[in-house]
């Protein structure tokens, strides 16, 4: 009588390796997507902070004497800002909009708006 030895067949081992490989790829992809989201979130936070600081500069100087409408930040050269100052129906009130993005064609710029009084 020939006794069979206990163990896994080649087919069972191949299936186990395939399942392990697929699950490992899914875990790695989830990690990369999470990292990408964190990077984008950090960029959004930095852009919003720069936009708010530029709006503070305009408010400090007064919107009616601001002449430069776009440029780059001195301490963050890769970021570009654009300024739009529009009068409202009240002559002493302006709507100021600041957009900040990475380069001139940034797909999702940070945008802040504020009504400012004329000085």
PDB file of N, CA and C in Angstrom:
ATOM      1  N   UNK A   1       0.825  -1.157   0.000  1.00  0.00           N
ATOM      2  CA  UNK A   1       0.000   0.000   0.000  1.00  0.00           C
ATOM      3  C   UNK A   1       0.893   1.252   0.000  1.00  0.00           C
ATOM      4  N   UNK A   2       0.657   2.153  -0.961  1.00  0.00           N
ATOM      5  CA  UNK A   2       1.428   3.388  -1.099  1.00  0.00           C
ATOM      6  C   UNK A   2       0.684   4.508  -0.385  1.00  0.00           C
ATOM      7  N   UNK A   3       1.393   5.150   0.514  1.00  0.00           N
ATOM      8  CA  UNK A   3       0.772   6.249   1.255  1.00  0.00           C
ATOM      9  C   UNK A   3       1.097   7.579   0.586  1.00  0.00           C
ATOM     10  N   UNK A   4       0.116   8.388   0.499  1.00  0.00           N
ATOM     11  CA  UNK A   4       0.300   9.724  -0.063  1.00  0.00           C
ATOM     12  C   UNK A   4       0.812  10.658   1.020  1.00  0.00           C
ATOM     13  N   UNK A   5       1.801  11.477   0.686  1.00  0.00           N
ATOM     14  CA  UNK A   5       2.319  12.433   1.664  1.00  0.00           C
ATOM     15  C   UNK A   5       1.422  13.676   1.686  1.00  0.00           C
ATOM     16  N   UNK A   6       1.211  14.203   2.870  1.00  0.00           N
ATOM     17  CA  UNK A   6       0.388  15.403   3.014  1.00  0.00           C
ATOM     18  C   UNK A   6       1.171  16.614   2.513  1.00  0.00           C
ATOM     19  N   UNK A   7       0.466  17.580   1.932  1.00  0.00           N
ATOM     20  CA  UNK A   7       1.103  18.792   1.426  1.00  0.00           C
ATOM     21  C   UNK A   7       0.216  19.460   0.392  1.00  0.00           C
ATOM     22  N   UNK A   8       0.711  20.534  -0.157  1.00  0.00           N
ATOM     23  CA  UNK A   8      -0.042  21.286  -1.158  1.00  0.00           C
ATOM     24  C   UNK A   8       0.373  20.853  -2.550  1.00  0.00           C
ATOM     25  N   UNK A   9      -0.602  20.884  -3.430  1.00  0.00           N
ATOM     26  CA  UNK A   9      -0.283  20.584  -4.826  1.00  0.00           C
ATOM     27  C   UNK A   9       0.257  21.846  -5.483  1.00  0.00           C
ATOM     28  N   UNK A  10       0.849  21.682  -6.632  1.00  0.00           N
ATOM     29  CA  UNK A  10       1.396  22.817  -7.357  1.00  0.00           C
ATOM     30  C   UNK A  10       0.294  23.808  -7.707  1.00  0.00           C
ATOM     31  N   UNK A  11      -0.862  23.355  -8.077  1.00  0.00           N
ATOM     32  CA  UNK A  11      -1.988  24.216  -8.429  1.00  0.00           C
ATOM     33  C   UNK A  11      -2.427  25.063  -7.222  1.00  0.00           C
ATOM     34  N   UNK A  12      -2.478  24.463  -6.054  1.00  0.00           N
ATOM     35  CA  UNK A  12      -2.867  25.198  -4.852  1.00  0.00           C
ATOM     36  C   UNK A  12      -1.853  26.288  -4.513  1.00  0.00           C
ATOM     37  N   UNK A  13      -0.590  25.983  -4.669  1.00  0.00           N
ATOM     38  CA  UNK A  13       0.460  26.982  -4.408  1.00  0.00           C
ATOM     39  C   UNK A  13       0.368  28.128  -5.408  1.00  0.00           C
ATOM     40  N   UNK A  14       0.134  27.838  -6.685  1.00  0.00           N
ATOM     41  CA  UNK A  14       0.016  28.884  -7.710  1.00  0.00           C
ATOM     42  C   UNK A  14      -1.183  29.789  -7.437  1.00  0.00           C
ATOM     43  N   UNK A  15      -2.293  29.214  -7.035  1.00  0.00           N
ATOM     44  CA  UNK A  15      -3.485  30.013  -6.724  1.00  0.00           C
ATOM     45  C   UNK A  15      -3.215  30.908  -5.513  1.00  0.00           C
ATOM     46  N   UNK A  16      -2.566  30.386  -4.488  1.00  0.00           N
ATOM     47  CA  UNK A  16      -2.248  31.179  -3.297  1.00  0.00           C
ATOM     48  C   UNK A  16      -1.319  32.348  -3.642  1.00  0.00           C
ATOM     49  N   UNK A  17      -0.323  32.085  -4.486  1.00  0.00           N
ATOM     50  CA  UNK A  17       0.601  33.162  -4.897  1.00  0.00           C
ATOM     51  C   UNK A  17      -0.135  34.215  -5.715  1.00  0.00           C
ATOM     52  N   UNK A  18      -1.048  33.808  -6.587  1.00  0.00           N
ATOM     53  CA  UNK A  18      -1.817  34.757  -7.395  1.00  0.00           C
ATOM     54  C   UNK A  18      -2.700  35.642  -6.514  1.00  0.00           C
ATOM     55  N   UNK A  19      -3.380  35.043  -5.548  1.00  0.00           N
ATOM     56  CA  UNK A  19      -4.234  35.820  -4.640  1.00  0.00           C
ATOM     57  C   UNK A  19      -3.388  36.795  -3.825  1.00  0.00           C
ATOM     58  N   UNK A  20      -2.268  36.358  -3.331  1.00  0.00           N
ATOM     59  CA  UNK A  20      -1.370  37.221  -2.559  1.00  0.00           C
ATOM     60  C   UNK A  20      -0.860  38.377  -3.415  1.00  0.00           C
ATOM     61  N   UNK A  21      -0.508  38.105  -4.663  1.00  0.00           N
ATOM     62  CA  UNK A  21      -0.005  39.156  -5.561  1.00  0.00           C
ATOM     63  C   UNK A  21      -1.071  40.205  -5.832  1.00  0.00           C
ATOM     64  N   UNK A  22      -2.288  39.761  -6.099  1.00  0.00           N
ATOM     65  CA  UNK A  22      -3.373  40.701  -6.383  1.00  0.00           C
ATOM     66  C   UNK A  22      -3.660  41.572  -5.165  1.00  0.00           C
ATOM     67  N   UNK A  23      -3.692  40.987  -3.985  1.00  0.00           N
ATOM     68  CA  UNK A  23      -3.962  41.777  -2.780  1.00  0.00           C
ATOM     69  C   UNK A  23      -2.821  42.740  -2.478  1.00  0.00           C
ATOM     70  N   UNK A  24      -1.593  42.351  -2.743  1.00  0.00           N
ATOM     71  CA  UNK A  24      -0.456  43.236  -2.529  1.00  0.00           C
ATOM     72  C   UNK A  24      -0.510  44.441  -3.465  1.00  0.00           C
ATOM     73  N   UNK A  25      -0.881  44.218  -4.717  1.00  0.00           N
ATOM     74  CA  UNK A  25      -1.012  45.318  -5.675  1.00  0.00           C
ATOM     75  C   UNK A  25      -2.086  46.290  -5.208  1.00  0.00           C
ATOM     76  N   UNK A  26      -3.202  45.765  -4.696  1.00  0.00           N
ATOM     77  CA  UNK A  26      -4.279  46.640  -4.210  1.00  0.00           C
ATOM     78  C   UNK A  26      -3.820  47.477  -3.023  1.00  0.00           C
ATOM     79  N   UNK A  27      -3.082  46.902  -2.120  1.00  0.00           N
ATOM     80  CA  UNK A  27      -2.596  47.633  -0.943  1.00  0.00           C
ATOM     81  C   UNK A  27      -1.595  48.715  -1.361  1.00  0.00           C
ATOM     82  N   UNK A  28      -0.710  48.397  -2.267  1.00  0.00           N
ATOM     83  CA  UNK A  28       0.280  49.377  -2.739  1.00  0.00           C
ATOM     84  C   UNK A  28      -0.418  50.531  -3.462  1.00  0.00           C
ATOM     85  N   UNK A  29      -1.409  50.217  -4.303  1.00  0.00           N
ATOM     86  CA  UNK A  29      -2.143  51.259  -5.025  1.00  0.00           C
ATOM     87  C   UNK A  29      -2.877  52.170  -4.061  1.00  0.00           C
ATOM     88  N   UNK A  30      -3.495  51.610  -3.029  1.00  0.00           N
ATOM     89  CA  UNK A  30      -4.188  52.431  -2.028  1.00  0.00           C
ATOM     90  C   UNK A  30      -3.207  53.356  -1.317  1.00  0.00           C
ATOM     91  N   UNK A  31      -2.037  52.872  -1.006  1.00  0.00           N
ATOM     92  CA  UNK A  31      -1.027  53.709  -0.368  1.00  0.00           C
ATOM     93  C   UNK A  31      -0.571  54.855  -1.255  1.00  0.00           C
ATOM     94  N   UNK A  32      -0.386  54.572  -2.535  1.00  0.00           N
ATOM     95  CA  UNK A  32       0.036  55.624  -3.465  1.00  0.00           C
ATOM     96  C   UNK A  32      -1.051  56.672  -3.653  1.00  0.00           C
ATOM     97  N   UNK A  33      -2.307  56.238  -3.726  1.00  0.00           N
ATOM     98  CA  UNK A  33      -3.410  57.193  -3.853  1.00  0.00           C
ATOM     99  C   UNK A  33      -3.516  58.069  -2.605  1.00  0.00           C
ATOM    100  N   UNK A  34      -3.298  57.487  -1.459  1.00  0.00           N
ATOM    101  CA  UNK A  34      -3.325  58.249  -0.217  1.00  0.00           C
ATOM    102  C   UNK A  34      -2.206  59.282  -0.188  1.00  0.00           C
ATOM    103  N   UNK A  35      -1.031  58.896  -0.619  1.00  0.00           N
ATOM    104  CA  UNK A  35       0.108  59.813  -0.659  1.00  0.00           C
ATOM    105  C   UNK A  35      -0.164  60.954  -1.640  1.00  0.00           C
ATOM    106  N   UNK A  36      -0.741  60.647  -2.795  1.00  0.00           N
ATOM    107  CA  UNK A  36      -1.069  61.667  -3.783  1.00  0.00           C
ATOM    108  C   UNK A  36      -2.083  62.659  -3.212  1.00  0.00           C
ATOM    109  N   UNK A  37      -3.069  62.156  -2.486  1.00  0.00           N
ATOM    110  CA  UNK A  37      -4.051  63.032  -1.857  1.00  0.00           C
ATOM    111  C   UNK A  37      -3.428  63.953  -0.829  1.00  0.00           C
ATOM    112  N   UNK A  38      -2.485  63.443  -0.059  1.00  0.00           N
ATOM    113  CA  UNK A  38      -1.796  64.272   0.931  1.00  0.00           C
ATOM    114  C   UNK A  38      -0.977  65.379   0.267  1.00  0.00           C
ATOM    115  N   UNK A  39      -0.338  65.054  -0.840  1.00  0.00           N
ATOM    116  CA  UNK A  39       0.453  66.058  -1.560  1.00  0.00           C
ATOM    117  C   UNK A  39      -0.451  67.155  -2.100  1.00  0.00           C
ATOM    118  N   UNK A  40      -1.580  66.752  -2.710  1.00  0.00           N
ATOM    119  CA  UNK A  40      -2.517  67.749  -3.244  1.00  0.00           C
ATOM    120  C   UNK A  40      -3.118  68.605  -2.140  1.00  0.00           C
ATOM    121  N   UNK A  41      -3.398  67.995  -1.007  1.00  0.00           N
ATOM    122  CA  UNK A  41      -3.938  68.742   0.128  1.00  0.00           C
ATOM    123  C   UNK A  41      -2.929  69.767   0.626  1.00  0.00           C
ATOM    124  N   UNK A  42      -1.669  69.379   0.706  1.00  0.00           N
ATOM    125  CA  UNK A  42      -0.621  70.314   1.121  1.00  0.00           C
ATOM    126  C   UNK A  42      -0.471  71.466   0.146  1.00  0.00           C
ATOM    127  N   UNK A  43      -0.552  71.163  -1.162  1.00  0.00           N
ATOM    128  CA  UNK A  43      -0.485  72.219  -2.174  1.00  0.00           C
ATOM    129  C   UNK A  43      -1.660  73.181  -2.032  1.00  0.00           C
ATOM    130  N   UNK A  44      -2.846  72.644  -1.793  1.00  0.00           N
ATOM    131  CA  UNK A  44      -4.034  73.495  -1.632  1.00  0.00           C
ATOM    132  C   UNK A  44      -3.899  74.405  -0.418  1.00  0.00           C
ATOM    133  N   UNK A  45      -3.389  73.864   0.664  1.00  0.00           N
ATOM    134  CA  UNK A  45      -3.187  74.669   1.862  1.00  0.00           C
ATOM    135  C   UNK A  45      -2.171  75.780   1.619  1.00  0.00           C
ATOM    136  N   UNK A  46      -1.083  75.451   0.948  1.00  0.00           N
ATOM    137  CA  UNK A  46      -0.067  76.462   0.672  1.00  0.00           C
ATOM    138  C   UNK A  46      -0.626  77.542  -0.247  1.00  0.00           C
ATOM    139  N   UNK A  47      -1.371  77.145  -1.277  1.00  0.00           N
ATOM    140  CA  UNK A  47      -1.952  78.116  -2.210  1.00  0.00           C
ATOM    141  C   UNK A  47      -2.937  79.033  -1.495  1.00  0.00           C
ATOM    142  N   UNK A  48      -3.765  78.471  -0.619  1.00  0.00           N
ATOM    143  CA  UNK A  48      -4.729  79.297   0.105  1.00  0.00           C
ATOM    144  C   UNK A  48      -4.023  80.262   1.056  1.00  0.00           C
ATOM    145  N   UNK A  49      -2.978  79.817   1.713  1.00  0.00           N
ATOM    146  CA  UNK A  49      -2.215  80.709   2.587  1.00  0.00           C
ATOM    147  C   UNK A  49      -1.578  81.851   1.812  1.00  0.00           C
ATOM    148  N   UNK A  50      -1.031  81.549   0.637  1.00  0.00           N
ATOM    149  CA  UNK A  50      -0.428  82.596  -0.195  1.00  0.00           C
ATOM    150  C   UNK A  50      -1.487  83.573  -0.701  1.00  0.00           C
ATOM    151  N   UNK A  51      -2.662  83.058  -1.071  1.00  0.00           N
ATOM    152  CA  UNK A  51      -3.741  83.921  -1.552  1.00  0.00           C
ATOM    153  C   UNK A  51      -4.214  84.863  -0.443  1.00  0.00           C
ATOM    154  N   UNK A  52      -4.339  84.342   0.752  1.00  0.00           N
ATOM    155  CA  UNK A  52      -4.763  85.187   1.879  1.00  0.00           C
ATOM    156  C   UNK A  52      -3.713  86.242   2.212  1.00  0.00           C
ATOM    157  N   UNK A  53      -2.439  85.882   2.109  1.00  0.00           N
ATOM    158  CA  UNK A  53      -1.396  86.872   2.388  1.00  0.00           C
ATOM    159  C   UNK A  53      -1.389  87.975   1.333  1.00  0.00           C
ATOM    160  N   UNK A  54      -1.626  87.614   0.070  1.00  0.00           N
ATOM    161  CA  UNK A  54      -1.683  88.625  -0.993  1.00  0.00           C
ATOM    162  C   UNK A  54      -2.900  89.529  -0.793  1.00  0.00           C
ATOM    163  N   UNK A  55      -4.025  88.956  -0.378  1.00  0.00           N
ATOM    164  CA  UNK A  55      -5.212  89.755  -0.104  1.00  0.00           C
ATOM    165  C   UNK A  55      -4.961  90.720   1.049  1.00  0.00           C
ATOM    166  N   UNK A  56      -4.213  90.280   2.059  1.00  0.00           N
ATOM    167  CA  UNK A  56      -3.843  91.166   3.166  1.00  0.00           C
ATOM    168  C   UNK A  56      -2.978  92.328   2.677  1.00  0.00           C
ATOM    169  N   UNK A  57      -2.065  92.058   1.739  1.00  0.00           N
ATOM    170  CA  UNK A  57      -1.225  93.127   1.174  1.00  0.00           C
ATOM    171  C   UNK A  57      -2.079  94.164   0.462  1.00  0.00           C
ATOM    172  N   UNK A  58      -3.044  93.687  -0.326  1.00  0.00           N
ATOM    173  CA  UNK A  58      -3.924  94.606  -1.059  1.00  0.00           C
ATOM    174  C   UNK A  58      -4.753  95.420  -0.074  1.00  0.00           C
ATOM    175  N   UNK A  59      -5.267  94.768   0.958  1.00  0.00           N
ATOM    176  CA  UNK A  59      -6.082  95.467   1.946  1.00  0.00           C
ATOM    177  C   UNK A  59      -5.253  96.510   2.694  1.00  0.00           C
ATOM    178  N   UNK A  60      -4.008  96.190   3.012  1.00  0.00           N
ATOM    179  CA  UNK A  60      -3.146  97.135   3.740  1.00  0.00           C
ATOM    180  C   UNK A  60      -2.826  98.360   2.891  1.00  0.00           C
ATOM    181  N   UNK A  61      -2.589  98.149   1.599  1.00  0.00           N
ATOM    182  CA  UNK A  61      -2.237  99.262   0.719  1.00  0.00           C
ATOM    183  C   UNK A  61      -3.474 100.019   0.244  1.00  0.00           C
ATOM    184  N   UNK A  62      -4.595  99.339   0.178  1.00  0.00           N
ATOM    185  CA  UNK A  62      -5.814  99.934  -0.370  1.00  0.00           C
ATOM    186  C   UNK A  62      -5.988  99.491  -1.803  1.00  0.00           C
ATOM    187  N   UNK A  63      -7.161  99.005  -2.179  1.00  0.00           N
ATOM    188  CA  UNK A  63      -7.363  98.467  -3.519  1.00  0.00           C
ATOM    189  C   UNK A  63      -7.284  99.505  -4.623  1.00  0.00           C
ATOM    190  N   UNK A  64      -7.562 100.780  -4.305  1.00  0.00           N
ATOM    191  CA  UNK A  64      -7.559 101.799  -5.358  1.00  0.00           C
ATOM    192  C   UNK A  64      -6.155 102.227  -5.767  1.00  0.00           C
ATOM    193  N   UNK A  65      -5.114 101.888  -4.986  1.00  0.00           N
ATOM    194  CA  UNK A  65      -3.750 102.264  -5.391  1.00  0.00           C
ATOM    195  C   UNK A  65      -2.923 101.055  -5.814  1.00  0.00           C
ATOM    196  N   UNK A  66      -3.522  99.905  -5.894  1.00  0.00           N
ATOM    197  CA  UNK A  66      -2.811  98.693  -6.292  1.00  0.00           C
ATOM    198  C   UNK A  66      -2.752  98.663  -7.812  1.00  0.00           C
ATOM    199  N   UNK A  67      -1.562  98.607  -8.380  1.00  0.00           N
ATOM    200  CA  UNK A  67      -1.447  98.665  -9.836  1.00  0.00           C
ATOM    201  C   UNK A  67      -0.988  97.350 -10.462  1.00  0.00           C
ATOM    202  N   UNK A  68      -0.267  96.522  -9.726  1.00  0.00           N
ATOM    203  CA  UNK A  68       0.235  95.259 -10.262  1.00  0.00           C
ATOM    204  C   UNK A  68      -0.872  94.208 -10.189  1.00  0.00           C
ATOM    205  N   UNK A  69      -1.174  93.557 -11.302  1.00  0.00           N
ATOM    206  CA  UNK A  69      -2.307  92.633 -11.338  1.00  0.00           C
ATOM    207  C   UNK A  69      -1.916  91.162 -11.386  1.00  0.00           C
ATOM    208  N   UNK A  70      -0.636  90.853 -11.496  1.00  0.00           N
ATOM    209  CA  UNK A  70      -0.195  89.461 -11.403  1.00  0.00           C
ATOM    210  C   UNK A  70       1.302  89.417 -11.167  1.00  0.00           C
ATOM    211  N   UNK A  71       1.773  88.248 -10.743  1.00  0.00           N
ATOM    212  CA  UNK A  71       3.201  88.095 -10.478  1.00  0.00           C
ATOM    213  C   UNK A  71       3.486  86.800  -9.747  1.00  0.00           C
ATOM    214  N   UNK A  72       4.734  86.648  -9.365  1.00  0.00           N
ATOM    215  CA  UNK A  72       5.168  85.477  -8.602  1.00  0.00           C
ATOM    216  C   UNK A  72       5.515  85.922  -7.186  1.00  0.00           C
ATOM    217  N   UNK A  73       5.450  84.994  -6.260  1.00  0.00           N
ATOM    218  CA  UNK A  73       5.792  85.294  -4.875  1.00  0.00           C
ATOM    219  C   UNK A  73       7.308  85.248  -4.710  1.00  0.00           C
ATOM    220  N   UNK A  74       7.834  86.152  -3.903  1.00  0.00           N
ATOM    221  CA  UNK A  74       9.282  86.206  -3.691  1.00  0.00           C
ATOM    222  C   UNK A  74       9.800  84.969  -2.975  1.00  0.00           C
ATOM    223  N   UNK A  75       9.060  84.508  -1.977  1.00  0.00           N
ATOM    224  CA  UNK A  75       9.529  83.370  -1.182  1.00  0.00           C
ATOM    225  C   UNK A  75       8.984  82.033  -1.669  1.00  0.00           C
ATOM    226  N   UNK A  76       8.146  82.048  -2.693  1.00  0.00           N
ATOM    227  CA  UNK A  76       7.605  80.806  -3.274  1.00  0.00           C
ATOM    228  C   UNK A  76       7.508  81.010  -4.782  1.00  0.00           C
ATOM    229  N   UNK A  77       8.636  80.952  -5.452  1.00  0.00           N
ATOM    230  CA  UNK A  77       8.730  81.295  -6.877  1.00  0.00           C
ATOM    231  C   UNK A  77       7.861  80.439  -7.801  1.00  0.00           C
ATOM    232  N   UNK A  78       7.581  79.198  -7.398  1.00  0.00           N
ATOM    233  CA  UNK A  78       6.792  78.335  -8.291  1.00  0.00           C
ATOM    234  C   UNK A  78       5.308  78.686  -8.281  1.00  0.00           C
ATOM    235  N   UNK A  79       4.889  79.549  -7.351  1.00  0.00           N
ATOM    236  CA  UNK A  79       3.482  79.947  -7.243  1.00  0.00           C
ATOM    237  C   UNK A  79       3.272  81.288  -7.931  1.00  0.00           C
ATOM    238  N   UNK A  80       2.174  81.386  -8.671  1.00  0.00           N
ATOM    239  CA  UNK A  80       1.824  82.591  -9.423  1.00  0.00           C
ATOM    240  C   UNK A  80       0.517  83.144  -8.858  1.00  0.00           C
ATOM    241  N   UNK A  81       0.400  84.461  -8.758  1.00  0.00           N
ATOM    242  CA  UNK A  81      -0.835  85.073  -8.284  1.00  0.00           C
ATOM    243  C   UNK A  81      -1.400  86.010  -9.333  1.00  0.00           C
ATOM    244  N   UNK A  82      -2.726  86.125  -9.336  1.00  0.00           N
ATOM    245  CA  UNK A  82      -3.437  87.071 -10.199  1.00  0.00           C
ATOM    246  C   UNK A  82      -4.441  87.824  -9.348  1.00  0.00           C
ATOM    247  N   UNK A  83      -4.536  89.106  -9.605  1.00  0.00           N
ATOM    248  CA  UNK A  83      -5.380  89.990  -8.815  1.00  0.00           C
ATOM    249  C   UNK A  83      -6.413  90.628  -9.742  1.00  0.00           C
ATOM    250  N   UNK A  84      -7.646  90.655  -9.275  1.00  0.00           N
ATOM    251  CA  UNK A  84      -8.711  91.314 -10.029  1.00  0.00           C
ATOM    252  C   UNK A  84      -9.434  92.244  -9.065  1.00  0.00           C
ATOM    253  N   UNK A  85      -9.511  93.534  -9.416  1.00  0.00           N
ATOM    254  CA  UNK A  85     -10.177  94.530  -8.584  1.00  0.00           C
ATOM    255  C   UNK A  85     -11.319  95.120  -9.398  1.00  0.00           C
ATOM    256  N   UNK A  86     -12.538  94.924  -8.904  1.00  0.00           N
ATOM    257  CA  UNK A  86     -13.725  95.406  -9.624  1.00  0.00           C
ATOM    258  C   UNK A  86     -14.504  96.376  -8.756  1.00  0.00           C
ATOM    259  N   UNK A  87     -14.913  97.505  -9.324  1.00  0.00           N
ATOM    260  CA  UNK A  87     -15.772  98.412  -8.570  1.00  0.00           C
ATOM    261  C   UNK A  87     -17.170  97.799  -8.418  1.00  0.00           C
ATOM    262  N   UNK A  88     -17.870  98.220  -7.404  1.00  0.00           N
ATOM    263  CA  UNK A  88     -19.242  97.766  -7.188  1.00  0.00           C
ATOM    264  C   UNK A  88     -20.188  98.939  -7.459  1.00  0.00           C
ATOM    265  N   UNK A  89     -21.451  98.749  -7.176  1.00  0.00           N
ATOM    266  CA  UNK A  89     -22.417  99.825  -7.389  1.00  0.00           C
ATOM    267  C   UNK A  89     -22.188 100.986  -6.415  1.00  0.00           C
ATOM    268  N   UNK A  90     -21.537 100.714  -5.306  1.00  0.00           N
ATOM    269  CA  UNK A  90     -21.151 101.785  -4.384  1.00  0.00           C
ATOM    270  C   UNK A  90     -19.746 102.253  -4.746  1.00  0.00           C
ATOM    271  N   UNK A  91     -19.546 103.548  -4.978  1.00  0.00           N
ATOM    272  CA  UNK A  91     -18.240 104.016  -5.461  1.00  0.00           C
ATOM    273  C   UNK A  91     -17.089 103.790  -4.486  1.00  0.00           C
ATOM    274  N   UNK A  92     -17.356 103.653  -3.202  1.00  0.00           N
ATOM    275  CA  UNK A  92     -16.271 103.472  -2.240  1.00  0.00           C
ATOM    276  C   UNK A  92     -15.991 102.011  -1.915  1.00  0.00           C
ATOM    277  N   UNK A  93     -16.653 101.094  -2.607  1.00  0.00           N
ATOM    278  CA  UNK A  93     -16.508  99.679  -2.314  1.00  0.00           C
ATOM    279  C   UNK A  93     -15.973  98.925  -3.539  1.00  0.00           C
ATOM    280  N   UNK A  94     -14.981  98.058  -3.322  1.00  0.00           N
ATOM    281  CA  UNK A  94     -14.376  97.258  -4.392  1.00  0.00           C
ATOM    282  C   UNK A  94     -14.506  95.774  -4.056  1.00  0.00           C
ATOM    283  N   UNK A  95     -14.684  94.965  -5.086  1.00  0.00           N
ATOM    284  CA  UNK A  95     -14.606  93.518  -4.926  1.00  0.00           C
ATOM    285  C   UNK A  95     -13.220  93.095  -5.384  1.00  0.00           C
ATOM    286  N   UNK A  96     -12.454  92.513  -4.477  1.00  0.00           N
ATOM    287  CA  UNK A  96     -11.080  92.111  -4.770  1.00  0.00           C
ATOM    288  C   UNK A  96     -11.036  90.589  -4.809  1.00  0.00           C
ATOM    289  N   UNK A  97     -10.488  90.053  -5.901  1.00  0.00           N
ATOM    290  CA  UNK A  97     -10.340  88.603  -6.063  1.00  0.00           C
ATOM    291  C   UNK A  97      -8.870  88.287  -6.292  1.00  0.00           C
ATOM    292  N   UNK A  98      -8.361  87.318  -5.537  1.00  0.00           N
ATOM    293  CA  UNK A  98      -6.979  86.856  -5.693  1.00  0.00           C
ATOM    294  C   UNK A  98      -7.023  85.371  -6.024  1.00  0.00           C
ATOM    295  N   UNK A  99      -6.318  84.994  -7.085  1.00  0.00           N
ATOM    296  CA  UNK A  99      -6.166  83.585  -7.452  1.00  0.00           C
ATOM    297  C   UNK A  99      -4.692  83.227  -7.394  1.00  0.00           C
ATOM    298  N   UNK A 100      -4.398  82.084  -6.799  1.00  0.00           N
ATOM    299  CA  UNK A 100      -3.017  81.616  -6.683  1.00  0.00           C
ATOM    300  C   UNK A 100      -2.943  80.191  -7.206  1.00  0.00           C
ATOM    301  N   UNK A 101      -1.972  79.939  -8.070  1.00  0.00           N
ATOM    302  CA  UNK A 101      -1.767  78.601  -8.598  1.00  0.00           C
ATOM    303  C   UNK A 101      -0.293  78.358  -8.855  1.00  0.00           C
ATOM    304  N   UNK A 102       0.029  77.102  -9.108  1.00  0.00           N
ATOM    305  CA  UNK A 102       1.417  76.741  -9.406  1.00  0.00           C
ATOM    306  C   UNK A 102       1.616  76.957 -10.904  1.00  0.00           C
ATOM    307  N   UNK A 103       2.196  78.071 -11.267  1.00  0.00           N
ATOM    308  CA  UNK A 103       2.353  78.429 -12.668  1.00  0.00           C
ATOM    309  C   UNK A 103       1.092  79.110 -13.185  1.00  0.00           C
ATOM    310  N   UNK A 104       1.153  79.626 -14.391  1.00  0.00           N
ATOM    311  CA  UNK A 104       0.021  80.377 -14.940  1.00  0.00           C
ATOM    312  C   UNK A 104      -1.154  79.495 -15.325  1.00  0.00           C
ATOM    313  N   UNK A 105      -0.932  78.227 -15.624  1.00  0.00           N
ATOM    314  CA  UNK A 105      -2.006  77.350 -16.075  1.00  0.00           C
ATOM    315  C   UNK A 105      -2.353  76.277 -15.052  1.00  0.00           C
ATOM    316  N   UNK A 106      -2.272  76.613 -13.783  1.00  0.00           N
ATOM    317  CA  UNK A 106      -2.599  75.659 -12.727  1.00  0.00           C
ATOM    318  C   UNK A 106      -4.075  75.290 -12.837  1.00  0.00           C
ATOM    319  N   UNK A 107      -4.401  74.009 -12.865  1.00  0.00           N
ATOM    320  CA  UNK A 107      -5.784  73.615 -13.117  1.00  0.00           C
ATOM    321  C   UNK A 107      -6.770  74.012 -12.023  1.00  0.00           C
ATOM    322  N   UNK A 108      -6.341  74.025 -10.774  1.00  0.00           N
ATOM    323  CA  UNK A 108      -7.252  74.364  -9.681  1.00  0.00           C
ATOM    324  C   UNK A 108      -6.622  75.404  -8.769  1.00  0.00           C
ATOM    325  N   UNK A 109      -6.738  76.678  -9.130  1.00  0.00           N
ATOM    326  CA  UNK A 109      -6.116  77.694  -8.285  1.00  0.00           C
ATOM    327  C   UNK A 109      -6.925  77.909  -7.008  1.00  0.00           C
ATOM    328  N   UNK A 110      -6.255  78.410  -5.990  1.00  0.00           N
ATOM    329  CA  UNK A 110      -6.937  78.847  -4.773  1.00  0.00           C
ATOM    330  C   UNK A 110      -7.477  80.244  -5.061  1.00  0.00           C
ATOM    331  N   UNK A 111      -8.711  80.484  -4.667  1.00  0.00           N
ATOM    332  CA  UNK A 111      -9.330  81.771  -4.963  1.00  0.00           C
ATOM    333  C   UNK A 111      -9.967  82.327  -3.693  1.00  0.00           C
ATOM    334  N   UNK A 112      -9.678  83.593  -3.391  1.00  0.00           N
ATOM    335  CA  UNK A 112     -10.326  84.286  -2.280  1.00  0.00           C
ATOM    336  C   UNK A 112     -10.868  85.610  -2.792  1.00  0.00           C
ATOM    337  N   UNK A 113     -12.000  86.017  -2.237  1.00  0.00           N
ATOM    338  CA  UNK A 113     -12.630  87.279  -2.610  1.00  0.00           C
ATOM    339  C   UNK A 113     -12.986  88.037  -1.336  1.00  0.00           C
ATOM    340  N   UNK A 114     -12.956  89.370  -1.446  1.00  0.00           N
ATOM    341  CA  UNK A 114     -13.309  90.198  -0.294  1.00  0.00           C
ATOM    342  C   UNK A 114     -13.752  91.556  -0.779  1.00  0.00           C
ATOM    343  N   UNK A 115     -14.725  92.122  -0.102  1.00  0.00           N
ATOM    344  CA  UNK A 115     -15.144  93.501  -0.378  1.00  0.00           C
ATOM    345  C   UNK A 115     -14.271  94.429   0.465  1.00  0.00           C
ATOM    346  N   UNK A 116     -13.664  95.427  -0.177  1.00  0.00           N
ATOM    347  CA  UNK A 116     -12.792  96.364   0.530  1.00  0.00           C
ATOM    348  C   UNK A 116     -13.256  97.796   0.290  1.00  0.00           C
ATOM    349  N   UNK A 117     -13.100  98.606   1.325  1.00  0.00           N
ATOM    350  CA  UNK A 117     -13.431 100.029   1.233  1.00  0.00           C
ATOM    351  C   UNK A 117     -12.305 100.793   0.577  1.00  0.00           C
ATOM    352  N   UNK A 118     -12.650 101.801  -0.177  1.00  0.00           N
ATOM    353  CA  UNK A 118     -11.676 102.697  -0.779  1.00  0.00           C
ATOM    354  C   UNK A 118     -11.124 103.636   0.303  1.00  0.00           C
ATOM    355  N   UNK A 119      -9.847 103.894   0.237  1.00  0.00           N
ATOM    356  CA  UNK A 119      -9.218 104.800   1.219  1.00  0.00           C
ATOM    357  C   UNK A 119      -9.009 106.167   0.632  1.00  0.00           C
TER     358      UNK A 119
END
